[in-house]
Amino acid sequence: MAHRFLRRGGPRRRTLSAGVVVVRRDPEKGWLYLLLRAYQYWDFPKGMVEPGEQPLEAAIREVAEESTITDLHFDWGHVYKETPPYARGKVARYYIAETHGKTVSLPVNPELGRPEHDEYRWMTYEEARELVSPRVRPILDWAHAIVTGAKAATATERAEDATS
């Protein structure tokens, strides 16, 4: 995927990471969102798309690697939303999936010799909105609108089948 962005000094290669806004339904609190903390930043599970890998495959792999969740249901289809470029041309693409379990583990990343994240939390939309960065907030808002039915999933952004 060789998208280019213009910058001072010439074009820059776009680096794509992919992740999932993982949600689960709590009988008392409603929809909860899984957020992972690395240092002081809260984000959804995500990571780099490897050569030859499709973005959705990378997103599913990253959720399993970072949280051990493998029970993902893409009930809203394969719609996604991307962040604007950040950190030297990096773009993060997020899908939405529900899980029925609530158990999360933060396994040791063999390359780092420690977990990639320091903490995880299942949060309500309001709690999550307080903690996520301005870069992640539009992703949370978009996912919340789809999950709660305020916005139709097929009409919001792009579907994986049609644009990848």
N, C-alpha and C. Protein backbone atom coordinates (compact mmCIF):
# COMPACT_ATOMS: atom_id res chain seq x y z
N MET A 1 0.85 -1.17 0.00
CA MET A 1 0.00 0.00 0.00
C MET A 1 0.90 1.23 0.00
N ALA A 2 1.13 1.80 -1.14
CA ALA A 2 2.11 2.88 -1.26
C ALA A 2 1.44 4.23 -1.47
N HIS A 3 0.64 4.65 -0.51
CA HIS A 3 0.04 5.98 -0.58
C HIS A 3 1.11 6.98 -0.21
N ARG A 4 1.04 8.16 -0.80
CA ARG A 4 2.05 9.18 -0.50
C ARG A 4 1.36 10.46 -0.04
N PHE A 5 1.98 11.13 0.89
CA PHE A 5 1.54 12.43 1.35
C PHE A 5 2.60 13.44 0.95
N LEU A 6 2.19 14.64 0.60
CA LEU A 6 3.15 15.68 0.27
C LEU A 6 3.62 16.35 1.54
N ARG A 7 4.87 16.67 1.59
CA ARG A 7 5.44 17.38 2.74
C ARG A 7 6.60 18.22 2.24
N ARG A 8 7.07 19.10 3.10
CA ARG A 8 8.24 19.87 2.74
C ARG A 8 9.39 18.91 2.46
N GLY A 9 10.04 19.07 1.33
CA GLY A 9 11.16 18.19 1.01
C GLY A 9 10.75 17.02 0.12
N GLY A 10 9.48 16.92 -0.26
CA GLY A 10 9.07 15.85 -1.17
C GLY A 10 8.02 14.94 -0.58
N PRO A 11 7.61 13.93 -1.35
CA PRO A 11 6.55 13.03 -0.89
C PRO A 11 7.02 12.14 0.24
N ARG A 12 6.09 11.74 1.06
CA ARG A 12 6.38 10.85 2.18
C ARG A 12 5.50 9.61 2.04
N ARG A 13 6.06 8.50 2.34
CA ARG A 13 5.35 7.24 2.27
C ARG A 13 4.37 7.13 3.43
N ARG A 14 3.16 6.68 3.16
CA ARG A 14 2.14 6.49 4.19
C ARG A 14 2.37 5.15 4.87
N THR A 15 2.40 5.15 6.17
CA THR A 15 2.53 3.93 6.95
C THR A 15 1.17 3.65 7.56
N LEU A 16 0.63 2.45 7.33
CA LEU A 16 -0.70 2.11 7.82
C LEU A 16 -0.62 1.16 9.00
N SER A 17 -1.31 1.53 10.07
CA SER A 17 -1.52 0.59 11.16
C SER A 17 -3.02 0.30 11.19
N ALA A 18 -3.39 -0.84 11.75
CA ALA A 18 -4.79 -1.24 11.79
C ALA A 18 -5.14 -1.75 13.18
N GLY A 19 -6.35 -1.43 13.60
CA GLY A 19 -6.80 -1.85 14.92
C GLY A 19 -8.30 -2.02 14.96
N VAL A 20 -8.76 -2.35 16.15
CA VAL A 20 -10.18 -2.60 16.34
C VAL A 20 -10.66 -1.86 17.58
N VAL A 21 -11.80 -1.19 17.44
CA VAL A 21 -12.51 -0.66 18.59
C VAL A 21 -13.30 -1.86 19.11
N VAL A 22 -12.81 -2.46 20.20
CA VAL A 22 -13.43 -3.67 20.76
C VAL A 22 -14.46 -3.22 21.79
N VAL A 23 -15.69 -3.71 21.62
CA VAL A 23 -16.77 -3.35 22.54
C VAL A 23 -17.40 -4.62 23.11
N ARG A 24 -18.00 -4.46 24.28
CA ARG A 24 -18.81 -5.54 24.85
C ARG A 24 -19.98 -4.90 25.58
N ARG A 25 -21.07 -5.63 25.63
CA ARG A 25 -22.28 -5.12 26.26
C ARG A 25 -22.31 -5.57 27.72
N ASP A 26 -22.45 -4.60 28.61
CA ASP A 26 -22.59 -4.86 30.03
C ASP A 26 -24.05 -4.63 30.40
N PRO A 27 -24.67 -5.57 31.14
CA PRO A 27 -26.10 -5.42 31.44
C PRO A 27 -26.44 -4.16 32.25
N GLU A 28 -25.49 -3.67 33.01
CA GLU A 28 -25.76 -2.49 33.84
C GLU A 28 -25.24 -1.19 33.23
N LYS A 29 -24.08 -1.25 32.60
CA LYS A 29 -23.44 -0.02 32.10
C LYS A 29 -23.65 0.22 30.61
N GLY A 30 -24.19 -0.74 29.89
CA GLY A 30 -24.35 -0.59 28.44
C GLY A 30 -23.07 -0.98 27.72
N TRP A 31 -22.76 -0.28 26.63
CA TRP A 31 -21.58 -0.60 25.83
C TRP A 31 -20.32 -0.15 26.54
N LEU A 32 -19.34 -1.06 26.60
CA LEU A 32 -18.03 -0.75 27.17
C LEU A 32 -16.99 -0.88 26.07
N TYR A 33 -15.97 -0.05 26.15
CA TYR A 33 -14.91 0.02 25.14
C TYR A 33 -13.60 -0.42 25.78
N LEU A 34 -12.85 -1.28 25.09
CA LEU A 34 -11.55 -1.72 25.58
C LEU A 34 -10.49 -0.70 25.18
N LEU A 35 -9.82 -0.15 26.18
CA LEU A 35 -8.71 0.76 25.92
C LEU A 35 -7.46 0.22 26.59
N LEU A 36 -6.34 0.40 25.91
CA LEU A 36 -5.04 -0.03 26.41
C LEU A 36 -4.18 1.21 26.62
N ARG A 37 -3.40 1.19 27.70
CA ARG A 37 -2.54 2.33 27.99
C ARG A 37 -1.08 1.94 27.80
N ALA A 38 -0.37 2.75 27.01
CA ALA A 38 1.08 2.66 26.87
C ALA A 38 1.62 4.02 27.29
N TYR A 39 2.41 4.03 28.35
CA TYR A 39 2.88 5.27 28.96
C TYR A 39 1.66 6.06 29.40
N GLN A 40 1.46 7.29 28.93
CA GLN A 40 0.28 8.05 29.35
C GLN A 40 -0.82 8.06 28.29
N TYR A 41 -0.67 7.31 27.21
CA TYR A 41 -1.61 7.35 26.10
C TYR A 41 -2.55 6.16 26.09
N TRP A 42 -3.84 6.44 26.02
CA TRP A 42 -4.87 5.40 25.91
C TRP A 42 -5.29 5.28 24.45
N ASP A 43 -5.40 4.05 23.97
CA ASP A 43 -5.76 3.82 22.57
C ASP A 43 -6.43 2.45 22.48
N PHE A 44 -6.99 2.17 21.33
CA PHE A 44 -7.55 0.85 21.05
C PHE A 44 -6.43 -0.05 20.56
N PRO A 45 -6.61 -1.37 20.66
CA PRO A 45 -5.56 -2.28 20.15
C PRO A 45 -5.31 -2.02 18.66
N LYS A 46 -4.05 -1.86 18.30
CA LYS A 46 -3.69 -1.62 16.90
C LYS A 46 -2.21 -1.88 16.71
N GLY A 47 -1.81 -2.01 15.45
CA GLY A 47 -0.40 -2.19 15.14
C GLY A 47 -0.18 -2.13 13.64
N MET A 48 1.06 -2.25 13.25
CA MET A 48 1.44 -2.09 11.85
C MET A 48 0.91 -3.23 10.97
N VAL A 49 0.50 -2.86 9.78
CA VAL A 49 0.11 -3.84 8.76
C VAL A 49 1.40 -4.35 8.14
N GLU A 50 1.61 -5.65 8.21
CA GLU A 50 2.83 -6.24 7.70
C GLU A 50 2.74 -6.44 6.18
N PRO A 51 3.88 -6.49 5.48
CA PRO A 51 3.87 -6.70 4.03
C PRO A 51 3.07 -7.95 3.66
N GLY A 52 2.18 -7.81 2.68
CA GLY A 52 1.37 -8.92 2.21
C GLY A 52 0.13 -9.18 3.05
N GLU A 53 -0.04 -8.44 4.12
CA GLU A 53 -1.18 -8.63 5.03
C GLU A 53 -2.27 -7.61 4.70
N GLN A 54 -3.51 -8.04 4.76
CA GLN A 54 -4.63 -7.13 4.57
C GLN A 54 -4.86 -6.37 5.89
N PRO A 55 -5.33 -5.12 5.83
CA PRO A 55 -5.54 -4.34 7.06
C PRO A 55 -6.45 -5.02 8.08
N LEU A 56 -7.55 -5.64 7.64
CA LEU A 56 -8.44 -6.30 8.59
C LEU A 56 -7.74 -7.48 9.27
N GLU A 57 -6.96 -8.24 8.51
CA GLU A 57 -6.19 -9.34 9.11
C GLU A 57 -5.22 -8.81 10.15
N ALA A 58 -4.56 -7.71 9.85
CA ALA A 58 -3.62 -7.11 10.80
C ALA A 58 -4.34 -6.65 12.06
N ALA A 59 -5.51 -6.05 11.88
CA ALA A 59 -6.27 -5.57 13.03
C ALA A 59 -6.64 -6.72 13.96
N ILE A 60 -7.12 -7.81 13.40
CA ILE A 60 -7.50 -8.98 14.20
C ILE A 60 -6.28 -9.57 14.89
N ARG A 61 -5.17 -9.67 14.16
CA ARG A 61 -3.92 -10.20 14.74
C ARG A 61 -3.47 -9.33 15.91
N GLU A 62 -3.50 -8.02 15.72
CA GLU A 62 -3.04 -7.10 16.76
C GLU A 62 -3.89 -7.19 18.03
N VAL A 63 -5.20 -7.34 17.88
CA VAL A 63 -6.07 -7.49 19.06
C VAL A 63 -5.66 -8.74 19.83
N ALA A 64 -5.44 -9.83 19.14
CA ALA A 64 -5.03 -11.08 19.81
C ALA A 64 -3.67 -10.93 20.47
N GLU A 65 -2.71 -10.30 19.77
CA GLU A 65 -1.36 -10.14 20.32
C GLU A 65 -1.33 -9.22 21.53
N GLU A 66 -2.13 -8.16 21.50
CA GLU A 66 -2.06 -7.15 22.56
C GLU A 66 -3.00 -7.41 23.72
N SER A 67 -4.07 -8.18 23.50
CA SER A 67 -5.07 -8.36 24.57
C SER A 67 -5.47 -9.81 24.80
N THR A 68 -5.06 -10.71 23.96
CA THR A 68 -5.43 -12.14 23.91
C THR A 68 -6.90 -12.37 23.54
N ILE A 69 -7.62 -11.34 23.11
CA ILE A 69 -9.01 -11.51 22.68
C ILE A 69 -9.02 -12.05 21.25
N THR A 70 -9.70 -13.19 21.07
CA THR A 70 -9.84 -13.78 19.74
C THR A 70 -11.31 -13.90 19.34
N ASP A 71 -12.20 -13.61 20.26
CA ASP A 71 -13.64 -13.71 20.07
C ASP A 71 -14.17 -12.36 19.57
N LEU A 72 -13.98 -12.09 18.27
CA LEU A 72 -14.41 -10.82 17.68
C LEU A 72 -15.54 -11.06 16.69
N HIS A 73 -16.59 -10.25 16.80
CA HIS A 73 -17.75 -10.35 15.91
C HIS A 73 -17.93 -8.99 15.24
N PHE A 74 -17.79 -8.97 13.93
CA PHE A 74 -17.91 -7.73 13.17
C PHE A 74 -19.36 -7.54 12.74
N ASP A 75 -20.22 -7.36 13.73
CA ASP A 75 -21.66 -7.25 13.50
C ASP A 75 -22.05 -6.02 12.69
N TRP A 76 -21.21 -5.03 12.63
CA TRP A 76 -21.48 -3.80 11.89
C TRP A 76 -20.80 -3.83 10.52
N GLY A 77 -20.32 -4.99 10.13
CA GLY A 77 -19.62 -5.11 8.86
C GLY A 77 -18.15 -4.75 9.01
N HIS A 78 -17.49 -4.55 7.90
CA HIS A 78 -16.06 -4.23 7.91
C HIS A 78 -15.82 -2.75 7.63
N VAL A 79 -16.72 -1.91 8.13
CA VAL A 79 -16.54 -0.47 7.96
C VAL A 79 -15.34 -0.04 8.80
N TYR A 80 -14.71 1.02 8.39
CA TYR A 80 -13.57 1.53 9.14
C TYR A 80 -13.48 3.04 9.04
N LYS A 81 -12.71 3.59 9.94
CA LYS A 81 -12.40 5.02 9.92
C LYS A 81 -10.90 5.15 10.15
N GLU A 82 -10.29 6.09 9.42
CA GLU A 82 -8.85 6.32 9.56
C GLU A 82 -8.59 7.66 10.22
N THR A 83 -7.47 7.72 10.93
CA THR A 83 -7.03 8.98 11.51
C THR A 83 -6.34 9.80 10.42
N PRO A 84 -6.27 11.10 10.60
CA PRO A 84 -5.39 11.87 9.73
C PRO A 84 -3.94 11.44 9.98
N PRO A 85 -3.03 11.73 9.06
CA PRO A 85 -1.63 11.36 9.27
C PRO A 85 -1.06 11.99 10.55
N TYR A 86 -0.25 11.22 11.26
CA TYR A 86 0.44 11.68 12.47
C TYR A 86 1.77 10.97 12.53
N ALA A 87 2.63 11.39 13.41
CA ALA A 87 3.92 10.72 13.64
C ALA A 87 4.63 10.33 12.34
N ARG A 88 5.00 11.33 11.56
CA ARG A 88 5.74 11.13 10.31
C ARG A 88 5.00 10.30 9.27
N GLY A 89 3.71 10.61 9.05
CA GLY A 89 2.97 9.98 7.98
C GLY A 89 2.20 8.73 8.35
N LYS A 90 2.18 8.35 9.62
CA LYS A 90 1.45 7.16 10.03
C LYS A 90 -0.05 7.46 10.05
N VAL A 91 -0.84 6.50 9.57
CA VAL A 91 -2.30 6.58 9.58
C VAL A 91 -2.79 5.32 10.28
N ALA A 92 -3.74 5.48 11.19
CA ALA A 92 -4.32 4.33 11.89
C ALA A 92 -5.74 4.10 11.38
N ARG A 93 -6.02 2.87 10.96
CA ARG A 93 -7.35 2.47 10.49
C ARG A 93 -7.99 1.62 11.58
N TYR A 94 -9.23 1.97 11.95
CA TYR A 94 -9.93 1.24 13.00
C TYR A 94 -11.23 0.64 12.47
N TYR A 95 -11.45 -0.63 12.84
CA TYR A 95 -12.70 -1.34 12.59
C TYR A 95 -13.44 -1.41 13.93
N ILE A 96 -14.66 -1.93 13.91
CA ILE A 96 -15.45 -2.09 15.14
C ILE A 96 -15.86 -3.55 15.26
N ALA A 97 -15.66 -4.14 16.45
CA ALA A 97 -16.09 -5.52 16.67
C ALA A 97 -16.53 -5.70 18.12
N GLU A 98 -17.48 -6.59 18.29
CA GLU A 98 -17.95 -6.93 19.63
C GLU A 98 -17.29 -8.22 20.09
N THR A 99 -17.02 -8.31 21.39
CA THR A 99 -16.57 -9.54 22.00
C THR A 99 -17.57 -9.89 23.09
N HIS A 100 -17.71 -11.19 23.37
CA HIS A 100 -18.65 -11.61 24.41
C HIS A 100 -17.94 -11.89 25.73
N GLY A 101 -16.62 -11.96 25.69
CA GLY A 101 -15.86 -12.17 26.92
C GLY A 101 -15.39 -10.85 27.49
N LYS A 102 -14.96 -10.88 28.73
CA LYS A 102 -14.41 -9.65 29.31
C LYS A 102 -12.98 -9.84 29.81
N THR A 103 -12.46 -11.06 29.68
CA THR A 103 -11.11 -11.34 30.13
C THR A 103 -10.09 -10.80 29.14
N VAL A 104 -9.14 -10.05 29.66
CA VAL A 104 -8.07 -9.47 28.86
C VAL A 104 -6.75 -9.80 29.55
N SER A 105 -5.75 -10.15 28.79
CA SER A 105 -4.40 -10.31 29.31
C SER A 105 -3.49 -9.41 28.51
N LEU A 106 -2.43 -8.96 29.13
CA LEU A 106 -1.42 -8.15 28.45
C LEU A 106 -0.15 -8.99 28.37
N PRO A 107 -0.05 -9.82 27.31
CA PRO A 107 1.09 -10.75 27.22
C PRO A 107 2.41 -10.03 26.93
N VAL A 108 3.48 -10.73 27.24
CA VAL A 108 4.82 -10.20 26.97
C VAL A 108 5.07 -10.24 25.47
N ASN A 109 5.51 -9.11 24.94
CA ASN A 109 5.90 -9.04 23.54
C ASN A 109 7.33 -9.56 23.46
N PRO A 110 7.58 -10.64 22.69
CA PRO A 110 8.93 -11.23 22.63
C PRO A 110 10.01 -10.25 22.17
N GLU A 111 9.66 -9.32 21.30
CA GLU A 111 10.65 -8.34 20.81
C GLU A 111 11.02 -7.33 21.89
N LEU A 112 10.07 -7.00 22.76
CA LEU A 112 10.32 -6.02 23.81
C LEU A 112 10.77 -6.65 25.12
N GLY A 113 10.37 -7.90 25.34
CA GLY A 113 10.67 -8.55 26.60
C GLY A 113 9.75 -8.09 27.72
N ARG A 114 8.65 -7.44 27.37
CA ARG A 114 7.65 -6.95 28.32
C ARG A 114 6.35 -6.74 27.56
N PRO A 115 5.23 -6.56 28.27
CA PRO A 115 3.99 -6.25 27.55
C PRO A 115 4.10 -4.90 26.84
N GLU A 116 3.40 -4.77 25.71
CA GLU A 116 3.40 -3.50 24.97
C GLU A 116 2.64 -2.42 25.73
N HIS A 117 1.70 -2.83 26.57
CA HIS A 117 0.86 -1.88 27.29
C HIS A 117 1.00 -2.06 28.79
N ASP A 118 0.77 -0.98 29.50
CA ASP A 118 0.92 -0.96 30.94
C ASP A 118 -0.37 -1.31 31.68
N GLU A 119 -1.51 -1.12 31.01
CA GLU A 119 -2.80 -1.27 31.67
C GLU A 119 -3.89 -1.40 30.63
N TYR A 120 -5.01 -2.01 31.02
CA TYR A 120 -6.20 -2.02 30.17
C TYR A 120 -7.40 -1.69 31.05
N ARG A 121 -8.44 -1.18 30.41
CA ARG A 121 -9.69 -0.92 31.11
C ARG A 121 -10.85 -1.08 30.14
N TRP A 122 -11.96 -1.63 30.65
CA TRP A 122 -13.24 -1.58 29.95
C TRP A 122 -13.92 -0.31 30.45
N MET A 123 -14.25 0.59 29.54
CA MET A 123 -14.79 1.90 29.94
C MET A 123 -16.09 2.21 29.21
N THR A 124 -16.91 3.00 29.87
CA THR A 124 -18.07 3.55 29.19
C THR A 124 -17.58 4.58 28.18
N TYR A 125 -18.45 4.99 27.31
CA TYR A 125 -18.10 6.01 26.32
C TYR A 125 -17.62 7.28 27.01
N GLU A 126 -18.34 7.71 28.03
CA GLU A 126 -17.97 8.94 28.72
C GLU A 126 -16.60 8.83 29.39
N GLU A 127 -16.32 7.69 30.03
CA GLU A 127 -15.01 7.48 30.67
C GLU A 127 -13.91 7.47 29.62
N ALA A 128 -14.17 6.77 28.52
CA ALA A 128 -13.16 6.68 27.45
C ALA A 128 -12.88 8.05 26.86
N ARG A 129 -13.92 8.83 26.65
CA ARG A 129 -13.76 10.15 26.03
C ARG A 129 -12.88 11.06 26.88
N GLU A 130 -12.91 10.87 28.18
CA GLU A 130 -12.06 11.67 29.09
C GLU A 130 -10.58 11.32 28.95
N LEU A 131 -10.28 10.07 28.60
CA LEU A 131 -8.89 9.61 28.62
C LEU A 131 -8.19 9.56 27.27
N VAL A 132 -8.93 9.38 26.19
CA VAL A 132 -8.26 9.26 24.89
C VAL A 132 -7.73 10.60 24.41
N SER A 133 -6.73 10.54 23.56
CA SER A 133 -6.12 11.75 23.01
C SER A 133 -7.02 12.37 21.95
N PRO A 134 -6.77 13.62 21.59
CA PRO A 134 -7.54 14.25 20.52
C PRO A 134 -7.47 13.48 19.20
N ARG A 135 -6.39 12.76 18.94
CA ARG A 135 -6.27 11.97 17.72
C ARG A 135 -7.23 10.79 17.72
N VAL A 136 -7.47 10.20 18.88
CA VAL A 136 -8.31 9.00 18.99
C VAL A 136 -9.78 9.34 19.23
N ARG A 137 -10.06 10.52 19.76
CA ARG A 137 -11.44 10.90 20.11
C ARG A 137 -12.42 10.79 18.94
N PRO A 138 -12.08 11.25 17.72
CA PRO A 138 -13.03 11.09 16.61
C PRO A 138 -13.33 9.62 16.28
N ILE A 139 -12.37 8.74 16.50
CA ILE A 139 -12.59 7.31 16.28
C ILE A 139 -13.59 6.79 17.29
N LEU A 140 -13.41 7.16 18.55
CA LEU A 140 -14.35 6.76 19.60
C LEU A 140 -15.75 7.28 19.30
N ASP A 141 -15.86 8.54 18.94
CA ASP A 141 -17.17 9.14 18.64
C ASP A 141 -17.85 8.41 17.48
N TRP A 142 -17.09 8.13 16.43
CA TRP A 142 -17.60 7.41 15.26
C TRP A 142 -18.10 6.02 15.66
N ALA A 143 -17.29 5.28 16.39
CA ALA A 143 -17.66 3.92 16.80
C ALA A 143 -18.89 3.95 17.71
N HIS A 144 -18.92 4.90 18.63
CA HIS A 144 -20.05 5.00 19.56
C HIS A 144 -21.35 5.27 18.79
N ALA A 145 -21.30 6.14 17.80
CA ALA A 145 -22.49 6.45 17.01
C ALA A 145 -22.99 5.21 16.28
N ILE A 146 -22.09 4.40 15.78
CA ILE A 146 -22.49 3.18 15.07
C ILE A 146 -23.00 2.12 16.04
N VAL A 147 -22.28 1.89 17.12
CA VAL A 147 -22.65 0.86 18.08
C VAL A 147 -24.01 1.15 18.72
N THR A 148 -24.27 2.40 19.01
CA THR A 148 -25.54 2.77 19.66
C THR A 148 -26.66 2.99 18.65
N GLY A 149 -26.36 2.88 17.36
CA GLY A 149 -27.39 3.02 16.35
C GLY A 149 -27.70 4.45 15.96
N ALA A 150 -26.89 5.40 16.43
CA ALA A 150 -27.11 6.80 16.08
C ALA A 150 -26.72 7.08 14.63
N LYS A 151 -25.92 6.19 14.05
CA LYS A 151 -25.44 6.36 12.67
C LYS A 151 -25.39 4.98 12.03
N ALA A 152 -25.87 4.86 10.83
CA ALA A 152 -25.85 3.56 10.14
C ALA A 152 -24.42 3.22 9.74
N ALA A 153 -23.99 2.02 10.04
CA ALA A 153 -22.62 1.59 9.77
C ALA A 153 -22.28 1.64 8.29
N THR A 154 -23.18 1.25 7.43
CA THR A 154 -22.86 1.19 6.00
C THR A 154 -22.77 2.58 5.37
N ALA A 155 -23.33 3.58 6.03
CA ALA A 155 -23.33 4.92 5.44
C ALA A 155 -22.24 5.82 6.00
N THR A 156 -21.51 5.38 6.99
CA THR A 156 -20.60 6.28 7.68
C THR A 156 -19.28 6.49 6.98
N GLU A 157 -18.54 5.47 6.81
CA GLU A 157 -17.21 5.58 6.24
C GLU A 157 -17.09 4.57 5.10
N ARG A 158 -15.96 3.98 4.98
CA ARG A 158 -15.75 3.02 3.90
C ARG A 158 -15.85 1.61 4.40
N ALA A 159 -16.32 0.76 3.56
CA ALA A 159 -16.37 -0.67 3.89
C ALA A 159 -15.16 -1.34 3.29
N GLU A 160 -14.62 -2.30 3.98
CA GLU A 160 -13.42 -3.01 3.56
C GLU A 160 -13.58 -3.60 2.16
N ASP A 161 -14.73 -4.22 1.90
CA ASP A 161 -14.94 -4.88 0.62
C ASP A 161 -14.83 -3.90 -0.55
N ALA A 162 -15.28 -2.67 -0.35
CA ALA A 162 -15.39 -1.74 -1.47
C ALA A 162 -14.13 -0.95 -1.76
N THR A 163 -13.24 -0.79 -0.78
CA THR A 163 -12.15 0.16 -1.00
C THR A 163 -10.76 -0.40 -0.77
N SER A 164 -10.60 -1.57 -0.28
CA SER A 164 -9.24 -2.04 0.00
C SER A 164 -8.71 -2.87 -1.12
